[in-house]
Amino acid sequence: MRVSLLHVLAVAGAIAATFAPSQAAAARCSLSGTSGSWAYTYSGTIFTPAGPVPAASVGRFSQDAGGNVIGSQTRSVAGVSGVEDISGSVSVNRDCSATATIDVSVNGQVTRTAMLTLVYDNNQNQARGIFQSLTLPNGTNVPVVITIDFARVFPKD
């Protein structure tokens, strides 16, 4: 029996396709895949009527499989630091892009709400983000340029 090179390559390709994970499956993100304990830093600039002001923060949060977020942060704005609580929700797309709405509170009172755009990477162990908007409780929009880096506290395999 003669076996052609084309036949061997076709069989080898079929076997490889059967055992190799599909690229589409590997690229899917989900709320359950991004749930867990996270640490983050952000830094950037807040634009006030008096001029630009530097801002930075370090914090941690937990996200459940429903997209609910709760945590705390220490932030510094123009050199004045404070401890704040955060809560909100995140929505994750299959392509690993995401959006989040985060309320920042001090002593139980919401002081501002941040709308974030995110992208998860590194097998959903890291994320990058930027503030889309920052709004005060009275509805005032505060112009900002702030970027965020997230990492899991305990990376998953």
N, C-alpha and C. Protein backbone atom coordinates (compact mmCIF):
# COMPACT_ATOMS: atom_id res chain seq x y z
N MET A 1 0.85 -1.18 0.00
CA MET A 1 0.00 0.00 0.00
C MET A 1 0.88 1.23 0.00
N ARG A 2 0.64 2.13 -0.95
CA ARG A 2 1.40 3.36 -1.06
C ARG A 2 0.64 4.48 -0.35
N VAL A 3 1.35 5.22 0.48
CA VAL A 3 0.76 6.35 1.18
C VAL A 3 1.44 7.61 0.66
N SER A 4 0.66 8.51 0.19
CA SER A 4 1.23 9.74 -0.36
C SER A 4 1.57 10.71 0.76
N LEU A 5 2.51 11.58 0.47
CA LEU A 5 2.90 12.61 1.42
C LEU A 5 1.70 13.50 1.77
N LEU A 6 0.87 13.78 0.80
CA LEU A 6 -0.33 14.59 1.03
C LEU A 6 -1.26 13.92 2.02
N HIS A 7 -1.42 12.61 1.92
CA HIS A 7 -2.28 11.87 2.83
C HIS A 7 -1.73 11.92 4.25
N VAL A 8 -0.40 11.73 4.40
CA VAL A 8 0.23 11.78 5.72
C VAL A 8 0.05 13.16 6.34
N LEU A 9 0.24 14.22 5.57
CA LEU A 9 0.07 15.57 6.09
C LEU A 9 -1.37 15.84 6.49
N ALA A 10 -2.32 15.32 5.73
CA ALA A 10 -3.73 15.52 6.07
C ALA A 10 -4.08 14.84 7.38
N VAL A 11 -3.60 13.61 7.58
CA VAL A 11 -3.86 12.89 8.83
C VAL A 11 -3.17 13.60 10.00
N ALA A 12 -1.93 14.02 9.81
CA ALA A 12 -1.20 14.73 10.87
C ALA A 12 -1.91 16.03 11.24
N GLY A 13 -2.41 16.75 10.25
CA GLY A 13 -3.16 17.98 10.52
C GLY A 13 -4.43 17.73 11.28
N ALA A 14 -5.12 16.67 10.95
CA ALA A 14 -6.36 16.33 11.66
C ALA A 14 -6.08 15.98 13.12
N ILE A 15 -5.01 15.24 13.35
CA ILE A 15 -4.65 14.87 14.73
C ILE A 15 -4.26 16.13 15.52
N ALA A 16 -3.45 16.99 14.91
CA ALA A 16 -3.04 18.21 15.60
C ALA A 16 -4.24 19.09 15.93
N ALA A 17 -5.18 19.19 15.02
CA ALA A 17 -6.37 20.01 15.25
C ALA A 17 -7.23 19.44 16.37
N THR A 18 -7.24 18.13 16.51
CA THR A 18 -8.03 17.48 17.54
C THR A 18 -7.48 17.76 18.93
N PHE A 19 -6.16 17.77 19.07
CA PHE A 19 -5.55 17.88 20.39
C PHE A 19 -5.10 19.29 20.76
N ALA A 20 -4.99 20.17 19.81
CA ALA A 20 -4.58 21.55 20.10
C ALA A 20 -5.79 22.37 20.50
N PRO A 21 -5.66 23.21 21.56
CA PRO A 21 -6.79 24.08 21.92
C PRO A 21 -7.03 25.08 20.80
N SER A 22 -8.28 25.37 20.58
CA SER A 22 -8.59 26.32 19.52
C SER A 22 -8.18 27.71 19.96
N GLN A 23 -7.71 28.51 19.04
CA GLN A 23 -7.29 29.86 19.35
C GLN A 23 -8.47 30.69 19.84
N ALA A 24 -9.65 30.47 19.30
CA ALA A 24 -10.83 31.20 19.72
C ALA A 24 -11.18 30.88 21.17
N ALA A 25 -11.07 29.60 21.54
CA ALA A 25 -11.39 29.21 22.92
C ALA A 25 -10.39 29.81 23.89
N ALA A 26 -9.12 29.87 23.50
CA ALA A 26 -8.08 30.40 24.37
C ALA A 26 -8.25 31.90 24.58
N ALA A 27 -8.89 32.59 23.67
CA ALA A 27 -8.98 34.04 23.74
C ALA A 27 -10.26 34.53 24.42
N ARG A 28 -11.01 33.66 25.03
CA ARG A 28 -12.27 34.07 25.66
C ARG A 28 -12.04 34.50 27.10
N CYS A 29 -12.65 35.60 27.45
CA CYS A 29 -12.66 36.06 28.83
C CYS A 29 -14.10 36.01 29.32
N SER A 30 -14.27 35.98 30.64
CA SER A 30 -15.61 35.93 31.23
C SER A 30 -15.55 36.51 32.64
N LEU A 31 -16.73 36.79 33.18
CA LEU A 31 -16.80 37.27 34.56
C LEU A 31 -16.25 36.23 35.52
N SER A 32 -16.60 34.96 35.31
CA SER A 32 -16.08 33.92 36.21
C SER A 32 -14.57 33.80 36.08
N GLY A 33 -14.05 34.00 34.85
CA GLY A 33 -12.61 33.91 34.64
C GLY A 33 -11.84 35.06 35.26
N THR A 34 -12.48 36.19 35.44
CA THR A 34 -11.81 37.36 36.02
C THR A 34 -12.14 37.55 37.50
N SER A 35 -12.96 36.67 38.06
CA SER A 35 -13.29 36.81 39.48
C SER A 35 -12.08 36.42 40.33
N GLY A 36 -11.99 36.99 41.52
CA GLY A 36 -10.89 36.70 42.43
C GLY A 36 -10.41 37.96 43.13
N SER A 37 -9.23 37.84 43.73
CA SER A 37 -8.62 38.96 44.46
C SER A 37 -7.59 39.65 43.58
N TRP A 38 -7.67 40.97 43.52
CA TRP A 38 -6.83 41.77 42.65
C TRP A 38 -6.15 42.88 43.43
N ALA A 39 -4.97 43.30 42.96
CA ALA A 39 -4.26 44.48 43.46
C ALA A 39 -4.10 45.43 42.29
N TYR A 40 -4.01 46.72 42.55
CA TYR A 40 -3.88 47.68 41.46
C TYR A 40 -3.15 48.94 41.89
N THR A 41 -2.67 49.64 40.90
CA THR A 41 -2.16 51.00 41.07
C THR A 41 -2.74 51.85 39.95
N TYR A 42 -2.97 53.10 40.24
CA TYR A 42 -3.30 54.04 39.16
C TYR A 42 -2.53 55.32 39.38
N SER A 43 -2.31 56.03 38.29
CA SER A 43 -1.66 57.33 38.39
C SER A 43 -2.08 58.18 37.20
N GLY A 44 -2.00 59.47 37.41
CA GLY A 44 -2.37 60.38 36.33
C GLY A 44 -2.59 61.78 36.83
N THR A 45 -3.44 62.48 36.10
CA THR A 45 -3.66 63.90 36.37
C THR A 45 -5.15 64.22 36.44
N ILE A 46 -5.50 65.03 37.43
CA ILE A 46 -6.85 65.58 37.55
C ILE A 46 -6.75 67.05 37.13
N PHE A 47 -7.65 67.47 36.26
CA PHE A 47 -7.63 68.84 35.76
C PHE A 47 -8.67 69.66 36.51
N THR A 48 -8.19 70.59 37.33
CA THR A 48 -9.07 71.44 38.13
C THR A 48 -9.04 72.86 37.55
N PRO A 49 -9.99 73.71 37.94
CA PRO A 49 -9.96 75.10 37.48
C PRO A 49 -8.65 75.82 37.86
N ALA A 50 -8.02 75.36 38.95
CA ALA A 50 -6.76 75.97 39.39
C ALA A 50 -5.55 75.40 38.67
N GLY A 51 -5.75 74.36 37.86
CA GLY A 51 -4.64 73.75 37.13
C GLY A 51 -4.57 72.25 37.35
N PRO A 52 -3.65 71.58 36.67
CA PRO A 52 -3.52 70.12 36.79
C PRO A 52 -2.97 69.71 38.14
N VAL A 53 -3.48 68.59 38.64
CA VAL A 53 -3.09 68.06 39.95
C VAL A 53 -2.74 66.58 39.78
N PRO A 54 -1.58 66.13 40.30
CA PRO A 54 -1.23 64.71 40.19
C PRO A 54 -2.07 63.86 41.14
N ALA A 55 -2.37 62.63 40.69
CA ALA A 55 -3.13 61.70 41.51
C ALA A 55 -2.54 60.30 41.35
N ALA A 56 -2.56 59.53 42.43
CA ALA A 56 -2.08 58.16 42.40
C ALA A 56 -2.79 57.36 43.48
N SER A 57 -2.83 56.04 43.31
CA SER A 57 -3.49 55.19 44.28
C SER A 57 -2.91 53.79 44.23
N VAL A 58 -3.00 53.09 45.34
CA VAL A 58 -2.72 51.66 45.41
C VAL A 58 -3.88 51.03 46.18
N GLY A 59 -4.36 49.89 45.71
CA GLY A 59 -5.49 49.27 46.39
C GLY A 59 -5.66 47.81 46.04
N ARG A 60 -6.68 47.25 46.61
CA ARG A 60 -7.03 45.85 46.34
C ARG A 60 -8.54 45.72 46.35
N PHE A 61 -9.03 44.72 45.63
CA PHE A 61 -10.46 44.46 45.60
C PHE A 61 -10.70 42.99 45.31
N SER A 62 -11.91 42.57 45.61
CA SER A 62 -12.39 41.24 45.26
C SER A 62 -13.51 41.41 44.27
N GLN A 63 -13.52 40.53 43.27
CA GLN A 63 -14.58 40.52 42.27
C GLN A 63 -15.21 39.14 42.27
N ASP A 64 -16.54 39.08 42.37
CA ASP A 64 -17.21 37.79 42.32
C ASP A 64 -17.60 37.44 40.89
N ALA A 65 -18.12 36.23 40.69
CA ALA A 65 -18.47 35.75 39.35
C ALA A 65 -19.63 36.52 38.73
N GLY A 66 -20.34 37.32 39.53
CA GLY A 66 -21.41 38.17 39.02
C GLY A 66 -20.93 39.55 38.59
N GLY A 67 -19.62 39.83 38.78
CA GLY A 67 -19.07 41.12 38.40
C GLY A 67 -19.10 42.17 39.49
N ASN A 68 -19.50 41.79 40.70
CA ASN A 68 -19.54 42.75 41.81
C ASN A 68 -18.14 42.94 42.39
N VAL A 69 -17.79 44.20 42.65
CA VAL A 69 -16.46 44.56 43.11
C VAL A 69 -16.58 45.25 44.46
N ILE A 70 -15.67 44.89 45.39
CA ILE A 70 -15.60 45.57 46.68
C ILE A 70 -14.14 45.56 47.14
N GLY A 71 -13.69 46.71 47.69
CA GLY A 71 -12.30 46.79 48.14
C GLY A 71 -11.98 48.11 48.80
N SER A 72 -10.69 48.43 48.83
CA SER A 72 -10.24 49.67 49.45
C SER A 72 -8.96 50.15 48.77
N GLN A 73 -8.67 51.43 48.96
CA GLN A 73 -7.47 51.99 48.37
C GLN A 73 -6.93 53.10 49.25
N THR A 74 -5.65 53.38 49.09
CA THR A 74 -5.03 54.57 49.63
C THR A 74 -4.64 55.41 48.43
N ARG A 75 -5.11 56.65 48.40
CA ARG A 75 -4.85 57.52 47.26
C ARG A 75 -4.15 58.78 47.74
N SER A 76 -3.45 59.40 46.79
CA SER A 76 -2.80 60.68 47.03
C SER A 76 -3.19 61.61 45.89
N VAL A 77 -3.74 62.77 46.24
CA VAL A 77 -4.09 63.79 45.27
C VAL A 77 -3.36 65.06 45.70
N ALA A 78 -2.49 65.55 44.84
CA ALA A 78 -1.68 66.74 45.13
C ALA A 78 -0.92 66.60 46.44
N GLY A 79 -0.48 65.37 46.75
CA GLY A 79 0.30 65.12 47.95
C GLY A 79 -0.51 64.89 49.21
N VAL A 80 -1.83 64.94 49.14
CA VAL A 80 -2.69 64.69 50.29
C VAL A 80 -3.27 63.28 50.16
N SER A 81 -2.94 62.42 51.13
CA SER A 81 -3.40 61.03 51.02
C SER A 81 -4.65 60.79 51.85
N GLY A 82 -5.33 59.72 51.50
CA GLY A 82 -6.53 59.31 52.22
C GLY A 82 -6.86 57.86 51.91
N VAL A 83 -7.60 57.24 52.81
CA VAL A 83 -8.03 55.86 52.65
C VAL A 83 -9.50 55.87 52.25
N GLU A 84 -9.84 55.07 51.23
CA GLU A 84 -11.19 55.07 50.68
C GLU A 84 -11.65 53.65 50.43
N ASP A 85 -12.96 53.47 50.44
CA ASP A 85 -13.57 52.19 50.06
C ASP A 85 -14.04 52.29 48.62
N ILE A 86 -14.01 51.16 47.92
CA ILE A 86 -14.52 51.13 46.56
C ILE A 86 -15.55 50.00 46.43
N SER A 87 -16.53 50.22 45.57
CA SER A 87 -17.52 49.19 45.26
C SER A 87 -18.08 49.50 43.88
N GLY A 88 -18.60 48.48 43.25
CA GLY A 88 -19.16 48.70 41.93
C GLY A 88 -19.34 47.41 41.17
N SER A 89 -19.27 47.51 39.85
CA SER A 89 -19.48 46.33 39.02
C SER A 89 -18.63 46.43 37.76
N VAL A 90 -18.33 45.26 37.21
CA VAL A 90 -17.56 45.15 35.98
C VAL A 90 -18.32 44.27 35.01
N SER A 91 -18.22 44.58 33.74
CA SER A 91 -18.81 43.79 32.67
C SER A 91 -17.67 43.38 31.75
N VAL A 92 -17.53 42.06 31.52
CA VAL A 92 -16.41 41.52 30.74
C VAL A 92 -16.93 40.94 29.43
N ASN A 93 -16.26 41.29 28.34
CA ASN A 93 -16.60 40.76 27.02
C ASN A 93 -15.70 39.58 26.68
N ARG A 94 -16.17 38.74 25.76
CA ARG A 94 -15.41 37.55 25.36
C ARG A 94 -14.04 37.90 24.79
N ASP A 95 -13.90 39.08 24.19
CA ASP A 95 -12.61 39.48 23.62
C ASP A 95 -11.66 40.08 24.66
N CYS A 96 -12.02 39.98 25.92
CA CYS A 96 -11.23 40.41 27.08
C CYS A 96 -11.26 41.92 27.32
N SER A 97 -12.07 42.65 26.56
CA SER A 97 -12.31 44.06 26.89
C SER A 97 -13.37 44.10 27.98
N ALA A 98 -13.41 45.19 28.73
CA ALA A 98 -14.36 45.28 29.84
C ALA A 98 -14.64 46.74 30.16
N THR A 99 -15.72 46.96 30.88
CA THR A 99 -16.04 48.27 31.43
C THR A 99 -16.39 48.08 32.89
N ALA A 100 -16.15 49.11 33.68
CA ALA A 100 -16.48 49.05 35.11
C ALA A 100 -17.03 50.40 35.56
N THR A 101 -17.93 50.33 36.52
CA THR A 101 -18.44 51.52 37.21
C THR A 101 -18.07 51.35 38.67
N ILE A 102 -17.28 52.26 39.19
CA ILE A 102 -16.75 52.13 40.55
C ILE A 102 -17.12 53.37 41.37
N ASP A 103 -17.78 53.15 42.50
CA ASP A 103 -18.07 54.21 43.46
C ASP A 103 -16.95 54.24 44.49
N VAL A 104 -16.47 55.44 44.81
CA VAL A 104 -15.45 55.64 45.83
C VAL A 104 -16.12 56.32 47.02
N SER A 105 -15.94 55.73 48.21
CA SER A 105 -16.62 56.23 49.41
C SER A 105 -15.64 56.51 50.53
N VAL A 106 -15.98 57.50 51.35
CA VAL A 106 -15.27 57.79 52.58
C VAL A 106 -16.31 57.85 53.68
N ASN A 107 -16.13 57.07 54.72
CA ASN A 107 -17.08 56.99 55.84
C ASN A 107 -18.51 56.71 55.35
N GLY A 108 -18.64 55.85 54.34
CA GLY A 108 -19.95 55.45 53.84
C GLY A 108 -20.59 56.41 52.86
N GLN A 109 -19.96 57.55 52.57
CA GLN A 109 -20.51 58.54 51.64
C GLN A 109 -19.76 58.48 50.31
N VAL A 110 -20.49 58.30 49.21
CA VAL A 110 -19.87 58.28 47.89
C VAL A 110 -19.31 59.67 47.59
N THR A 111 -18.01 59.71 47.25
CA THR A 111 -17.36 60.98 46.93
C THR A 111 -17.18 61.19 45.42
N ARG A 112 -17.20 60.07 44.67
CA ARG A 112 -17.07 60.15 43.22
C ARG A 112 -17.35 58.79 42.59
N THR A 113 -17.66 58.81 41.31
CA THR A 113 -17.91 57.58 40.55
C THR A 113 -17.01 57.60 39.33
N ALA A 114 -16.28 56.51 39.14
CA ALA A 114 -15.38 56.39 38.00
C ALA A 114 -15.94 55.37 37.01
N MET A 115 -15.91 55.74 35.73
CA MET A 115 -16.23 54.82 34.64
C MET A 115 -14.90 54.43 34.01
N LEU A 116 -14.65 53.12 33.94
CA LEU A 116 -13.36 52.63 33.46
C LEU A 116 -13.53 51.78 32.21
N THR A 117 -12.53 51.82 31.34
CA THR A 117 -12.41 50.89 30.21
C THR A 117 -11.19 50.03 30.50
N LEU A 118 -11.35 48.71 30.37
CA LEU A 118 -10.30 47.76 30.75
C LEU A 118 -10.03 46.76 29.64
N VAL A 119 -8.86 46.14 29.70
CA VAL A 119 -8.52 45.01 28.86
C VAL A 119 -7.75 44.02 29.73
N TYR A 120 -8.23 42.78 29.77
CA TYR A 120 -7.55 41.70 30.51
C TYR A 120 -6.53 41.05 29.60
N ASP A 121 -5.38 40.66 30.18
CA ASP A 121 -4.37 39.93 29.43
C ASP A 121 -3.71 38.89 30.33
N ASN A 122 -2.69 38.23 29.80
CA ASN A 122 -1.93 37.23 30.56
C ASN A 122 -2.86 36.19 31.20
N ASN A 123 -3.72 35.59 30.37
CA ASN A 123 -4.64 34.55 30.85
C ASN A 123 -5.56 35.05 31.95
N GLN A 124 -6.00 36.28 31.84
CA GLN A 124 -6.90 36.93 32.81
C GLN A 124 -6.25 37.09 34.18
N ASN A 125 -4.90 37.20 34.21
CA ASN A 125 -4.17 37.43 35.44
C ASN A 125 -3.76 38.90 35.61
N GLN A 126 -3.87 39.68 34.55
CA GLN A 126 -3.54 41.10 34.60
C GLN A 126 -4.58 41.86 33.80
N ALA A 127 -4.64 43.15 34.05
CA ALA A 127 -5.52 44.02 33.27
C ALA A 127 -4.91 45.41 33.23
N ARG A 128 -5.28 46.13 32.19
CA ARG A 128 -4.88 47.52 32.01
C ARG A 128 -6.15 48.33 31.86
N GLY A 129 -6.12 49.57 32.28
CA GLY A 129 -7.34 50.36 32.16
C GLY A 129 -7.06 51.84 32.10
N ILE A 130 -8.13 52.57 31.78
CA ILE A 130 -8.09 54.03 31.75
C ILE A 130 -9.44 54.55 32.24
N PHE A 131 -9.41 55.67 32.93
CA PHE A 131 -10.65 56.32 33.36
C PHE A 131 -11.31 56.94 32.14
N GLN A 132 -12.57 56.59 31.89
CA GLN A 132 -13.36 57.25 30.85
C GLN A 132 -13.93 58.55 31.39
N SER A 133 -14.37 58.49 32.65
CA SER A 133 -14.93 59.69 33.28
C SER A 133 -14.83 59.56 34.79
N LEU A 134 -14.91 60.70 35.44
CA LEU A 134 -14.94 60.79 36.89
C LEU A 134 -16.01 61.81 37.23
N THR A 135 -17.03 61.39 37.99
CA THR A 135 -18.18 62.24 38.26
C THR A 135 -18.39 62.39 39.77
N LEU A 136 -18.62 63.61 40.21
CA LEU A 136 -18.91 63.90 41.62
C LEU A 136 -20.39 63.61 41.90
N PRO A 137 -20.77 63.46 43.17
CA PRO A 137 -22.18 63.17 43.51
C PRO A 137 -23.17 64.21 42.97
N ASN A 138 -22.74 65.45 42.80
CA ASN A 138 -23.66 66.48 42.28
C ASN A 138 -23.76 66.47 40.76
N GLY A 139 -23.09 65.50 40.11
CA GLY A 139 -23.15 65.38 38.65
C GLY A 139 -22.03 66.08 37.91
N THR A 140 -21.17 66.77 38.61
CA THR A 140 -20.05 67.46 37.97
C THR A 140 -19.06 66.45 37.41
N ASN A 141 -18.71 66.61 36.13
CA ASN A 141 -17.71 65.77 35.51
C ASN A 141 -16.34 66.39 35.75
N VAL A 142 -15.41 65.61 36.27
CA VAL A 142 -14.06 66.08 36.55
C VAL A 142 -13.13 65.52 35.47
N PRO A 143 -12.50 66.38 34.65
CA PRO A 143 -11.61 65.88 33.61
C PRO A 143 -10.36 65.23 34.22
N VAL A 144 -10.02 64.03 33.75
CA VAL A 144 -8.86 63.30 34.25
C VAL A 144 -8.18 62.57 33.10
N VAL A 145 -6.91 62.30 33.29
CA VAL A 145 -6.16 61.34 32.48
C VAL A 145 -5.48 60.43 33.49
N ILE A 146 -6.08 59.27 33.73
CA ILE A 146 -5.58 58.34 34.74
C ILE A 146 -5.57 56.93 34.15
N THR A 147 -4.44 56.25 34.26
CA THR A 147 -4.33 54.87 33.81
C THR A 147 -4.15 53.94 35.01
N ILE A 148 -4.53 52.67 34.79
CA ILE A 148 -4.56 51.69 35.88
C ILE A 148 -3.87 50.41 35.43
N ASP A 149 -3.14 49.78 36.34
CA ASP A 149 -2.59 48.43 36.13
C ASP A 149 -3.11 47.53 37.24
N PHE A 150 -3.67 46.38 36.84
CA PHE A 150 -4.22 45.41 37.78
C PHE A 150 -3.42 44.11 37.68
N ALA A 151 -3.31 43.39 38.79
CA ALA A 151 -2.73 42.05 38.78
C ALA A 151 -3.44 41.23 39.85
N ARG A 152 -3.62 39.94 39.54
CA ARG A 152 -4.21 39.05 40.55
C ARG A 152 -3.28 38.95 41.74
N VAL A 153 -3.85 38.86 42.92
CA VAL A 153 -3.07 38.63 44.13
C VAL A 153 -2.49 37.22 44.08
N PHE A 154 -3.28 36.25 43.63
CA PHE A 154 -2.86 34.87 43.47
C PHE A 154 -3.15 34.44 42.03
N PRO A 155 -2.15 34.52 41.13
CA PRO A 155 -2.41 34.18 39.70
C PRO A 155 -2.94 32.76 39.54
N LYS A 156 -3.80 32.61 38.53
CA LYS A 156 -4.31 31.29 38.20
C LYS A 156 -3.43 30.69 37.12
N ASP A 157 -3.47 29.40 37.01
CA ASP A 157 -2.60 28.72 36.02
C ASP A 157 -3.03 29.02 34.62
